[in-house]
Amino acid sequence: MKIGVVGCGNISDIYLKNLTSVFNNTEVLACADLDEQKAIEKKEKYAIPYVMTLDEMLECKDIDLILNITTPKSHYSITKKALMAGKHVYVEKPLALNY
């Protein structure tokens, strides 16, 4: 499964470490963050091929799943956008901050 990771903050390290070195059936193809420098640092640290924007990930035919590990206030909007683009999504809880 080819994955696009959205959110390159503190929690991303454990996800990226496991996805790039533990699991045999996953490939992190791209990462994104509002702070592009954070995405560049994770790209280099974990040998991720691309830094992309969320919109670029959603248009990329090679990305199967969006891993949404942004702040909770962004979970719903990013997850909905990814689902509407036909991507599978994994998002940390909570899905949304209000009903």
PDB file of N, CA and C in Angstrom:
ATOM      1  N   MET A   1       0.842  -1.163   0.000  1.00  0.00           N
ATOM      2  CA  MET A   1       0.000   0.000   0.000  1.00  0.00           C
ATOM      3  C   MET A   1       0.896   1.237   0.000  1.00  0.00           C
ATOM      4  N   LYS A   2       0.614   2.148  -0.911  1.00  0.00           N
ATOM      5  CA  LYS A   2       1.391   3.378  -1.015  1.00  0.00           C
ATOM      6  C   LYS A   2       0.658   4.492  -0.266  1.00  0.00           C
ATOM      7  N   ILE A   3       1.409   5.164   0.605  1.00  0.00           N
ATOM      8  CA  ILE A   3       0.824   6.079   1.578  1.00  0.00           C
ATOM      9  C   ILE A   3       1.346   7.500   1.407  1.00  0.00           C
ATOM     10  N   GLY A   4       0.449   8.450   1.592  1.00  0.00           N
ATOM     11  CA  GLY A   4       0.796   9.852   1.702  1.00  0.00           C
ATOM     12  C   GLY A   4       0.546  10.287   3.130  1.00  0.00           C
ATOM     13  N   VAL A   5       1.545  10.806   3.786  1.00  0.00           N
ATOM     14  CA  VAL A   5       1.433  11.225   5.190  1.00  0.00           C
ATOM     15  C   VAL A   5       1.215  12.726   5.239  1.00  0.00           C
ATOM     16  N   VAL A   6       0.127  13.128   5.902  1.00  0.00           N
ATOM     17  CA  VAL A   6      -0.181  14.541   6.077  1.00  0.00           C
ATOM     18  C   VAL A   6       0.000  14.867   7.547  1.00  0.00           C
ATOM     19  N   GLY A   7       0.977  15.711   7.835  1.00  0.00           N
ATOM     20  CA  GLY A   7       1.312  16.078   9.207  1.00  0.00           C
ATOM     21  C   GLY A   7       2.665  15.501   9.586  1.00  0.00           C
ATOM     22  N   CYS A   8       3.660  16.357   9.716  1.00  0.00           N
ATOM     23  CA  CYS A   8       5.026  15.901  10.005  1.00  0.00           C
ATOM     24  C   CYS A   8       5.525  16.417  11.351  1.00  0.00           C
ATOM     25  N   GLY A   9       4.623  16.500  12.310  1.00  0.00           N
ATOM     26  CA  GLY A   9       4.986  16.955  13.651  1.00  0.00           C
ATOM     27  C   GLY A   9       5.557  15.827  14.491  1.00  0.00           C
ATOM     28  N   ASN A  10       5.500  15.989  15.807  1.00  0.00           N
ATOM     29  CA  ASN A  10       6.141  15.056  16.743  1.00  0.00           C
ATOM     30  C   ASN A  10       5.670  13.616  16.598  1.00  0.00           C
ATOM     31  N   ILE A  11       4.366  13.407  16.434  1.00  0.00           N
ATOM     32  CA  ILE A  11       3.840  12.042  16.373  1.00  0.00           C
ATOM     33  C   ILE A  11       4.245  11.323  15.088  1.00  0.00           C
ATOM     34  N   SER A  12       4.641  12.067  14.076  1.00  0.00           N
ATOM     35  CA  SER A  12       4.940  11.443  12.780  1.00  0.00           C
ATOM     36  C   SER A  12       6.138  10.501  12.837  1.00  0.00           C
ATOM     37  N   ASP A  13       7.072  10.740  13.720  1.00  0.00           N
ATOM     38  CA  ASP A  13       8.279   9.897  13.751  1.00  0.00           C
ATOM     39  C   ASP A  13       7.969   8.427  13.981  1.00  0.00           C
ATOM     40  N   ILE A  14       7.099   8.110  14.943  1.00  0.00           N
ATOM     41  CA  ILE A  14       6.815   6.699  15.210  1.00  0.00           C
ATOM     42  C   ILE A  14       6.089   6.065  14.030  1.00  0.00           C
ATOM     43  N   TYR A  15       5.169   6.809  13.414  1.00  0.00           N
ATOM     44  CA  TYR A  15       4.482   6.291  12.227  1.00  0.00           C
ATOM     45  C   TYR A  15       5.479   6.063  11.090  1.00  0.00           C
ATOM     46  N   LEU A  16       6.293   7.058  10.811  1.00  0.00           N
ATOM     47  CA  LEU A  16       7.230   6.954   9.690  1.00  0.00           C
ATOM     48  C   LEU A  16       8.279   5.873   9.924  1.00  0.00           C
ATOM     49  N   LYS A  17       8.749   5.762  11.137  1.00  0.00           N
ATOM     50  CA  LYS A  17       9.722   4.704  11.453  1.00  0.00           C
ATOM     51  C   LYS A  17       9.116   3.330  11.173  1.00  0.00           C
ATOM     52  N   ASN A  18       7.909   3.099  11.673  1.00  0.00           N
ATOM     53  CA  ASN A  18       7.275   1.796  11.487  1.00  0.00           C
ATOM     54  C   ASN A  18       6.900   1.544  10.030  1.00  0.00           C
ATOM     55  N   LEU A  19       6.355   2.544   9.367  1.00  0.00           N
ATOM     56  CA  LEU A  19       5.920   2.352   7.977  1.00  0.00           C
ATOM     57  C   LEU A  19       7.083   2.148   7.014  1.00  0.00           C
ATOM     58  N   THR A  20       8.256   2.701   7.350  1.00  0.00           N
ATOM     59  CA  THR A  20       9.403   2.573   6.449  1.00  0.00           C
ATOM     60  C   THR A  20      10.367   1.452   6.825  1.00  0.00           C
ATOM     61  N   SER A  21      10.247   0.904   8.042  1.00  0.00           N
ATOM     62  CA  SER A  21      11.230  -0.115   8.422  1.00  0.00           C
ATOM     63  C   SER A  21      10.641  -1.379   9.047  1.00  0.00           C
ATOM     64  N   VAL A  22       9.402  -1.359   9.469  1.00  0.00           N
ATOM     65  CA  VAL A  22       8.831  -2.528  10.142  1.00  0.00           C
ATOM     66  C   VAL A  22       7.886  -3.301   9.220  1.00  0.00           C
ATOM     67  N   PHE A  23       6.985  -2.600   8.581  1.00  0.00           N
ATOM     68  CA  PHE A  23       5.966  -3.252   7.767  1.00  0.00           C
ATOM     69  C   PHE A  23       6.462  -3.456   6.340  1.00  0.00           C
ATOM     70  N   ASN A  24       6.280  -4.664   5.822  1.00  0.00           N
ATOM     71  CA  ASN A  24       6.755  -4.998   4.480  1.00  0.00           C
ATOM     72  C   ASN A  24       5.785  -4.589   3.379  1.00  0.00           C
ATOM     73  N   ASN A  25       4.537  -4.365   3.719  1.00  0.00           N
ATOM     74  CA  ASN A  25       3.536  -4.097   2.690  1.00  0.00           C
ATOM     75  C   ASN A  25       3.131  -2.623   2.612  1.00  0.00           C
ATOM     76  N   THR A  26       3.953  -1.742   3.160  1.00  0.00           N
ATOM     77  CA  THR A  26       3.664  -0.311   3.088  1.00  0.00           C
ATOM     78  C   THR A  26       4.850   0.435   2.487  1.00  0.00           C
ATOM     79  N   GLU A  27       4.511   1.486   1.754  1.00  0.00           N
ATOM     80  CA  GLU A  27       5.534   2.367   1.189  1.00  0.00           C
ATOM     81  C   GLU A  27       5.048   3.795   1.358  1.00  0.00           C
ATOM     82  N   VAL A  28       5.819   4.602   2.070  1.00  0.00           N
ATOM     83  CA  VAL A  28       5.477   6.015   2.197  1.00  0.00           C
ATOM     84  C   VAL A  28       6.007   6.700   0.946  1.00  0.00           C
ATOM     85  N   LEU A  29       5.089   7.159   0.118  1.00  0.00           N
ATOM     86  CA  LEU A  29       5.456   7.764  -1.159  1.00  0.00           C
ATOM     87  C   LEU A  29       5.681   9.265  -1.029  1.00  0.00           C
ATOM     88  N   ALA A  30       4.942   9.903  -0.102  1.00  0.00           N
ATOM     89  CA  ALA A  30       5.044  11.362   0.019  1.00  0.00           C
ATOM     90  C   ALA A  30       4.639  11.803   1.412  1.00  0.00           C
ATOM     91  N   CYS A  31       5.113  12.989   1.778  1.00  0.00           N
ATOM     92  CA  CYS A  31       4.696  13.594   3.037  1.00  0.00           C
ATOM     93  C   CYS A  31       4.390  15.067   2.799  1.00  0.00           C
ATOM     94  N   ALA A  32       3.566  15.614   3.695  1.00  0.00           N
ATOM     95  CA  ALA A  32       3.144  17.005   3.585  1.00  0.00           C
ATOM     96  C   ALA A  32       2.995  17.608   4.975  1.00  0.00           C
ATOM     97  N   ASP A  33       3.228  18.903   5.056  1.00  0.00           N
ATOM     98  CA  ASP A  33       2.998  19.641   6.294  1.00  0.00           C
ATOM     99  C   ASP A  33       2.808  21.108   5.923  1.00  0.00           C
ATOM    100  N   LEU A  34       2.046  21.833   6.727  1.00  0.00           N
ATOM    101  CA  LEU A  34       1.903  23.271   6.485  1.00  0.00           C
ATOM    102  C   LEU A  34       3.257  23.966   6.543  1.00  0.00           C
ATOM    103  N   ASP A  35       4.145  23.447   7.394  1.00  0.00           N
ATOM    104  CA  ASP A  35       5.521  23.921   7.471  1.00  0.00           C
ATOM    105  C   ASP A  35       6.354  23.021   6.555  1.00  0.00           C
ATOM    106  N   GLU A  36       6.596  23.476   5.338  1.00  0.00           N
ATOM    107  CA  GLU A  36       7.270  22.628   4.344  1.00  0.00           C
ATOM    108  C   GLU A  36       8.624  22.125   4.829  1.00  0.00           C
ATOM    109  N   GLN A  37       9.307  22.892   5.660  1.00  0.00           N
ATOM    110  CA  GLN A  37      10.610  22.464   6.160  1.00  0.00           C
ATOM    111  C   GLN A  37      10.495  21.179   6.986  1.00  0.00           C
ATOM    112  N   LYS A  38       9.418  21.050   7.756  1.00  0.00           N
ATOM    113  CA  LYS A  38       9.198  19.811   8.512  1.00  0.00           C
ATOM    114  C   LYS A  38       9.046  18.630   7.564  1.00  0.00           C
ATOM    115  N   ALA A  39       8.310  18.813   6.488  1.00  0.00           N
ATOM    116  CA  ALA A  39       8.125  17.737   5.508  1.00  0.00           C
ATOM    117  C   ALA A  39       9.457  17.381   4.849  1.00  0.00           C
ATOM    118  N   ILE A  40      10.249  18.365   4.529  1.00  0.00           N
ATOM    119  CA  ILE A  40      11.556  18.123   3.912  1.00  0.00           C
ATOM    120  C   ILE A  40      12.452  17.330   4.869  1.00  0.00           C
ATOM    121  N   GLU A  41      12.427  17.691   6.148  1.00  0.00           N
ATOM    122  CA  GLU A  41      13.241  16.978   7.136  1.00  0.00           C
ATOM    123  C   GLU A  41      12.826  15.513   7.242  1.00  0.00           C
ATOM    124  N   LYS A  42      11.518  15.236   7.251  1.00  0.00           N
ATOM    125  CA  LYS A  42      11.046  13.844   7.333  1.00  0.00           C
ATOM    126  C   LYS A  42      11.363  13.096   6.046  1.00  0.00           C
ATOM    127  N   LYS A  43      11.250  13.758   4.920  1.00  0.00           N
ATOM    128  CA  LYS A  43      11.595  13.149   3.631  1.00  0.00           C
ATOM    129  C   LYS A  43      13.032  12.645   3.666  1.00  0.00           C
ATOM    130  N   GLU A  44      13.926  13.493   4.131  1.00  0.00           N
ATOM    131  CA  GLU A  44      15.347  13.133   4.179  1.00  0.00           C
ATOM    132  C   GLU A  44      15.623  12.065   5.230  1.00  0.00           C
ATOM    133  N   LYS A  45      15.022  12.196   6.403  1.00  0.00           N
ATOM    134  CA  LYS A  45      15.278  11.258   7.501  1.00  0.00           C
ATOM    135  C   LYS A  45      14.805   9.847   7.173  1.00  0.00           C
ATOM    136  N   TYR A  46      13.659   9.730   6.487  1.00  0.00           N
ATOM    137  CA  TYR A  46      13.061   8.419   6.236  1.00  0.00           C
ATOM    138  C   TYR A  46      13.122   7.992   4.762  1.00  0.00           C
ATOM    139  N   ALA A  47      13.893   8.694   3.968  1.00  0.00           N
ATOM    140  CA  ALA A  47      14.062   8.370   2.537  1.00  0.00           C
ATOM    141  C   ALA A  47      12.717   8.275   1.815  1.00  0.00           C
ATOM    142  N   ILE A  48      11.877   9.247   2.047  1.00  0.00           N
ATOM    143  CA  ILE A  48      10.574   9.333   1.393  1.00  0.00           C
ATOM    144  C   ILE A  48      10.794  10.008   0.039  1.00  0.00           C
ATOM    145  N   PRO A  49      10.250   9.446  -1.029  1.00  0.00           N
ATOM    146  CA  PRO A  49      10.537   9.992  -2.358  1.00  0.00           C
ATOM    147  C   PRO A  49      10.099  11.439  -2.591  1.00  0.00           C
ATOM    148  N   TYR A  50       8.928  11.837  -2.068  1.00  0.00           N
ATOM    149  CA  TYR A  50       8.398  13.151  -2.435  1.00  0.00           C
ATOM    150  C   TYR A  50       7.863  13.938  -1.253  1.00  0.00           C
ATOM    151  N   VAL A  51       7.971  15.256  -1.353  1.00  0.00           N
ATOM    152  CA  VAL A  51       7.211  16.193  -0.535  1.00  0.00           C
ATOM    153  C   VAL A  51       6.133  16.726  -1.467  1.00  0.00           C
ATOM    154  N   MET A  52       4.882  16.622  -1.042  1.00  0.00           N
ATOM    155  CA  MET A  52       3.756  17.092  -1.846  1.00  0.00           C
ATOM    156  C   MET A  52       2.823  17.907  -0.970  1.00  0.00           C
ATOM    157  N   THR A  53       1.972  18.665  -1.603  1.00  0.00           N
ATOM    158  CA  THR A  53       0.867  19.287  -0.884  1.00  0.00           C
ATOM    159  C   THR A  53      -0.239  18.240  -0.753  1.00  0.00           C
ATOM    160  N   LEU A  54      -1.214  18.513   0.099  1.00  0.00           N
ATOM    161  CA  LEU A  54      -2.346  17.611   0.216  1.00  0.00           C
ATOM    162  C   LEU A  54      -3.045  17.457  -1.131  1.00  0.00           C
ATOM    163  N   ASP A  55      -3.273  18.550  -1.815  1.00  0.00           N
ATOM    164  CA  ASP A  55      -3.949  18.478  -3.109  1.00  0.00           C
ATOM    165  C   ASP A  55      -3.167  17.635  -4.117  1.00  0.00           C
ATOM    166  N   GLU A  56      -1.858  17.751  -4.110  1.00  0.00           N
ATOM    167  CA  GLU A  56      -1.041  16.920  -5.004  1.00  0.00           C
ATOM    168  C   GLU A  56      -1.178  15.443  -4.647  1.00  0.00           C
ATOM    169  N   MET A  57      -1.219  15.138  -3.351  1.00  0.00           N
ATOM    170  CA  MET A  57      -1.411  13.745  -2.929  1.00  0.00           C
ATOM    171  C   MET A  57      -2.751  13.211  -3.402  1.00  0.00           C
ATOM    172  N   LEU A  58      -3.778  14.037  -3.282  1.00  0.00           N
ATOM    173  CA  LEU A  58      -5.111  13.588  -3.666  1.00  0.00           C
ATOM    174  C   LEU A  58      -5.226  13.365  -5.166  1.00  0.00           C
ATOM    175  N   GLU A  59      -4.432  14.066  -5.940  1.00  0.00           N
ATOM    176  CA  GLU A  59      -4.424  13.888  -7.393  1.00  0.00           C
ATOM    177  C   GLU A  59      -3.500  12.755  -7.837  1.00  0.00           C
ATOM    178  N   CYS A  60      -2.597  12.347  -6.980  1.00  0.00           N
ATOM    179  CA  CYS A  60      -1.601  11.320  -7.332  1.00  0.00           C
ATOM    180  C   CYS A  60      -2.262   9.940  -7.389  1.00  0.00           C
ATOM    181  N   LYS A  61      -2.237   9.346  -8.559  1.00  0.00           N
ATOM    182  CA  LYS A  61      -2.849   8.021  -8.765  1.00  0.00           C
ATOM    183  C   LYS A  61      -2.105   6.915  -8.013  1.00  0.00           C
ATOM    184  N   ASP A  62      -0.847   7.152  -7.675  1.00  0.00           N
ATOM    185  CA  ASP A  62      -0.050   6.118  -7.005  1.00  0.00           C
ATOM    186  C   ASP A  62      -0.314   6.032  -5.506  1.00  0.00           C
ATOM    187  N   ILE A  63      -0.876   7.066  -4.912  1.00  0.00           N
ATOM    188  CA  ILE A  63      -1.141   7.057  -3.472  1.00  0.00           C
ATOM    189  C   ILE A  63      -2.497   6.418  -3.218  1.00  0.00           C
ATOM    190  N   ASP A  64      -2.479   5.345  -2.409  1.00  0.00           N
ATOM    191  CA  ASP A  64      -3.698   4.608  -2.076  1.00  0.00           C
ATOM    192  C   ASP A  64      -4.371   5.132  -0.816  1.00  0.00           C
ATOM    193  N   LEU A  65      -3.570   5.546   0.150  1.00  0.00           N
ATOM    194  CA  LEU A  65      -4.076   5.869   1.480  1.00  0.00           C
ATOM    195  C   LEU A  65      -3.453   7.166   1.983  1.00  0.00           C
ATOM    196  N   ILE A  66      -4.266   7.976   2.629  1.00  0.00           N
ATOM    197  CA  ILE A  66      -3.783   9.183   3.288  1.00  0.00           C
ATOM    198  C   ILE A  66      -3.743   8.906   4.782  1.00  0.00           C
ATOM    199  N   LEU A  67      -2.579   9.067   5.374  1.00  0.00           N
ATOM    200  CA  LEU A  67      -2.421   8.980   6.824  1.00  0.00           C
ATOM    201  C   LEU A  67      -2.509  10.401   7.351  1.00  0.00           C
ATOM    202  N   ASN A  68      -3.609  10.719   8.022  1.00  0.00           N
ATOM    203  CA  ASN A  68      -3.879  12.063   8.508  1.00  0.00           C
ATOM    204  C   ASN A  68      -3.481  12.154   9.975  1.00  0.00           C
ATOM    205  N   ILE A  69      -2.306  12.701  10.232  1.00  0.00           N
ATOM    206  CA  ILE A  69      -1.836  12.856  11.615  1.00  0.00           C
ATOM    207  C   ILE A  69      -1.576  14.333  11.907  1.00  0.00           C
ATOM    208  N   THR A  70      -2.535  15.129  11.476  1.00  0.00           N
ATOM    209  CA  THR A  70      -2.498  16.565  11.728  1.00  0.00           C
ATOM    210  C   THR A  70      -3.101  16.843  13.100  1.00  0.00           C
ATOM    211  N   THR A  71      -3.275  18.110  13.422  1.00  0.00           N
ATOM    212  CA  THR A  71      -3.913  18.458  14.687  1.00  0.00           C
ATOM    213  C   THR A  71      -5.408  18.149  14.606  1.00  0.00           C
ATOM    214  N   PRO A  72      -6.055  17.859  15.729  1.00  0.00           N
ATOM    215  CA  PRO A  72      -7.470  17.486  15.711  1.00  0.00           C
ATOM    216  C   PRO A  72      -8.390  18.464  14.976  1.00  0.00           C
ATOM    217  N   LYS A  73      -8.089  19.748  15.014  1.00  0.00           N
ATOM    218  CA  LYS A  73      -8.975  20.703  14.339  1.00  0.00           C
ATOM    219  C   LYS A  73      -8.976  20.523  12.825  1.00  0.00           C
ATOM    220  N   SER A  74      -7.971  19.849  12.278  1.00  0.00           N
ATOM    221  CA  SER A  74      -7.885  19.628  10.835  1.00  0.00           C
ATOM    222  C   SER A  74      -8.340  18.237  10.407  1.00  0.00           C
ATOM    223  N   HIS A  75      -8.585  17.352  11.354  1.00  0.00           N
ATOM    224  CA  HIS A  75      -8.903  15.965  11.017  1.00  0.00           C
ATOM    225  C   HIS A  75     -10.089  15.847  10.061  1.00  0.00           C
ATOM    226  N   TYR A  76     -11.198  16.482  10.398  1.00  0.00           N
ATOM    227  CA  TYR A  76     -12.406  16.302   9.597  1.00  0.00           C
ATOM    228  C   TYR A  76     -12.235  16.804   8.170  1.00  0.00           C
ATOM    229  N   SER A  77     -11.746  18.015   8.017  1.00  0.00           N
ATOM    230  CA  SER A  77     -11.684  18.595   6.669  1.00  0.00           C
ATOM    231  C   SER A  77     -10.726  17.822   5.766  1.00  0.00           C
ATOM    232  N   ILE A  78      -9.593  17.415   6.297  1.00  0.00           N
ATOM    233  CA  ILE A  78      -8.623  16.660   5.491  1.00  0.00           C
ATOM    234  C   ILE A  78      -9.161  15.272   5.169  1.00  0.00           C
ATOM    235  N   THR A  79      -9.746  14.615   6.162  1.00  0.00           N
ATOM    236  CA  THR A  79     -10.288  13.277   5.950  1.00  0.00           C
ATOM    237  C   THR A  79     -11.411  13.304   4.922  1.00  0.00           C
ATOM    238  N   LYS A  80     -12.321  14.256   5.040  1.00  0.00           N
ATOM    239  CA  LYS A  80     -13.423  14.346   4.082  1.00  0.00           C
ATOM    240  C   LYS A  80     -12.898  14.583   2.669  1.00  0.00           C
ATOM    241  N   LYS A  81     -11.952  15.497   2.536  1.00  0.00           N
ATOM    242  CA  LYS A  81     -11.376  15.803   1.225  1.00  0.00           C
ATOM    243  C   LYS A  81     -10.722  14.560   0.616  1.00  0.00           C
ATOM    244  N   ALA A  82     -10.008  13.802   1.439  1.00  0.00           N
ATOM    245  CA  ALA A  82      -9.335  12.592   0.948  1.00  0.00           C
ATOM    246  C   ALA A  82     -10.351  11.523   0.545  1.00  0.00           C
ATOM    247  N   LEU A  83     -11.377  11.337   1.350  1.00  0.00           N
ATOM    248  CA  LEU A  83     -12.408  10.360   1.001  1.00  0.00           C
ATOM    249  C   LEU A  83     -13.130  10.746  -0.284  1.00  0.00           C
ATOM    250  N   MET A  84     -13.416  12.016  -0.437  1.00  0.00           N
ATOM    251  CA  MET A  84     -14.088  12.494  -1.647  1.00  0.00           C
ATOM    252  C   MET A  84     -13.202  12.322  -2.890  1.00  0.00           C
ATOM    253  N   ALA A  85     -11.891  12.274  -2.677  1.00  0.00           N
ATOM    254  CA  ALA A  85     -10.954  12.045  -3.785  1.00  0.00           C
ATOM    255  C   ALA A  85     -10.753  10.560  -4.063  1.00  0.00           C
ATOM    256  N   GLY A  86     -11.449   9.705  -3.314  1.00  0.00           N
ATOM    257  CA  GLY A  86     -11.354   8.270  -3.544  1.00  0.00           C
ATOM    258  C   GLY A  86     -10.202   7.580  -2.849  1.00  0.00           C
ATOM    259  N   LYS A  87      -9.615   8.238  -1.857  1.00  0.00           N
ATOM    260  CA  LYS A  87      -8.492   7.643  -1.128  1.00  0.00           C
ATOM    261  C   LYS A  87      -9.005   6.913   0.115  1.00  0.00           C
ATOM    262  N   HIS A  88      -8.282   5.895   0.523  1.00  0.00           N
ATOM    263  CA  HIS A  88      -8.490   5.316   1.843  1.00  0.00           C
ATOM    264  C   HIS A  88      -7.864   6.297   2.830  1.00  0.00           C
ATOM    265  N   VAL A  89      -8.347   6.304   4.076  1.00  0.00           N
ATOM    266  CA  VAL A  89      -7.829   7.249   5.062  1.00  0.00           C
ATOM    267  C   VAL A  89      -7.680   6.567   6.409  1.00  0.00           C
ATOM    268  N   TYR A  90      -6.573   6.862   7.079  1.00  0.00           N
ATOM    269  CA  TYR A  90      -6.405   6.543   8.490  1.00  0.00           C
ATOM    270  C   TYR A  90      -6.237   7.878   9.187  1.00  0.00           C
ATOM    271  N   VAL A  91      -7.027   8.108  10.210  1.00  0.00           N
ATOM    272  CA  VAL A  91      -6.950   9.362  10.955  1.00  0.00           C
ATOM    273  C   VAL A  91      -6.945   9.044  12.444  1.00  0.00           C
ATOM    274  N   GLU A  92      -6.107   9.765  13.176  1.00  0.00           N
ATOM    275  CA  GLU A  92      -6.123   9.620  14.619  1.00  0.00           C
ATOM    276  C   GLU A  92      -7.402  10.231  15.179  1.00  0.00           C
ATOM    277  N   LYS A  93      -7.798   9.776  16.350  1.00  0.00           N
ATOM    278  CA  LYS A  93      -8.972  10.349  16.973  1.00  0.00           C
ATOM    279  C   LYS A  93      -8.639  11.699  17.585  1.00  0.00           C
ATOM    280  N   PRO A  94      -9.583  12.558  17.710  1.00  0.00           N
ATOM    281  CA  PRO A  94     -10.984  12.454  17.304  1.00  0.00           C
ATOM    282  C   PRO A  94     -11.126  12.762  15.814  1.00  0.00           C
ATOM    283  N   LEU A  95     -12.182  12.230  15.209  1.00  0.00           N
ATOM    284  CA  LEU A  95     -12.447  12.532  13.805  1.00  0.00           C
ATOM    285  C   LEU A  95     -12.820  13.990  13.627  1.00  0.00           C
ATOM    286  N   ALA A  96     -13.577  14.528  14.594  1.00  0.00           N
ATOM    287  CA  ALA A  96     -13.989  15.941  14.524  1.00  0.00           C
ATOM    288  C   ALA A  96     -14.089  16.493  15.947  1.00  0.00           C
ATOM    289  N   LEU A  97     -14.013  17.803  16.063  1.00  0.00           N
ATOM    290  CA  LEU A  97     -14.084  18.427  17.385  1.00  0.00           C
ATOM    291  C   LEU A  97     -15.503  18.730  17.830  1.00  0.00           C
ATOM    292  N   ASN A  98     -16.426  18.717  16.885  1.00  0.00           N
ATOM    293  CA  ASN A  98     -17.836  18.937  17.256  1.00  0.00           C
ATOM    294  C   ASN A  98     -18.722  18.105  16.345  1.00  0.00           C
ATOM    295  N   TYR A  99     -19.981  17.975  16.758  1.00  0.00           N
ATOM    296  CA  TYR A  99     -20.934  17.153  16.041  1.00  0.00           C
ATOM    297  C   TYR A  99     -21.257  17.788  14.711  1.00  0.00           C
TER     298      TYR A  99
END
